[in-house]
Amino acid sequence: MFFNSKPEIIFEGDSAYARITIIDDNGTRTMYMGDNQEAETSILIKNPLTPVFEYPGLFFLSLALRPQARNIVMLGLGGGYIPRLCQLYLPDHQLTVVEIDPLVVELASVYFDFNPGANVKVEIADGLDYLTFLRPESVDVIWHDAFDGYYIPQHLATTTFLKLTRRVLKEDGLLTQNLHRTKPAAFMDQLTITAEVFDEPSLLFYGSRSGNAVLISPNGPLDVPRGRAKLTKAAKAFGPKIGPYNLLAEIEKETAFPKVAPCL
């Protein structure tokens, strides 16, 4: 099948938080954020559940590490691709998506066919404000996918914010962050402050065909599967597939934690 290769802008506008552009190009629909036009969400128009980005599979891998988890908070909606998969393939998990920008919520519905459902709700709020008012030890897993068009918003990339995530996570909870190796200084700084705030060593996974990296940090000392054998066992017990993502393939992306000083 051949597609018209000429890109078509189907939406372009400014919200109170960012410039947002949605472009159809060669059978793919992508939401871009910010003046730098960084891709936030991308789907295949004819097969919208087929993966384009690889990091969602690593988010799902965090659930295999905590199979008893049921309460998830996700920071950042984008086009709603991950929440749609949760609706279809994780009906026993309750997902709350926190998105600061009402326009993003509207565009996710109009152009990416995402709408809240029985096990997925959306709160229009700032991520820091939302977590501040949660009860301590009330969340199993946090998926940190907030993005401002350049990187993680500054106020959601501080030791103060990370300490807040530890407060609201249960003792055996996990913080899962989508990071970007294409911004080396910000990437290394986020690894560094996470290691300072979280007592237990994190698991780090590098995208094999992208600049994404996913960092999974346990809140407490309870055992987290480490090493390929234990990770494989956990993934097999949980799935090993969640929709289009094979968790066994995601395990192969585990990498050693960089032993270098942060870029300044």
Foldseek 3Di string as FASTA:
>chain_A
DWDDQDKDWPDWDDFPFWTWTWIDGGQKIFIFTHPVRDTQDMARNVHRLADPDDCLLVVVLVCLQVVVFAEEEEEDQQLNNSVVLCVVFVVRHAYEYEAQTPVRVVCSCPPVVDDADDRYYYDHDHPQVVLVPAQFQAHAEYEYSDDRNPWHPPVCQALVNLLSVLRRHHQFHKYKYKGFCVPQQSRLSSLVSNCVNAVDDWWKFQDPPHRIIMIIGTSHDPDGQDDLVSSVVSCVVNPVDRRNHGSNVRSVRTDDDDPDHHDD
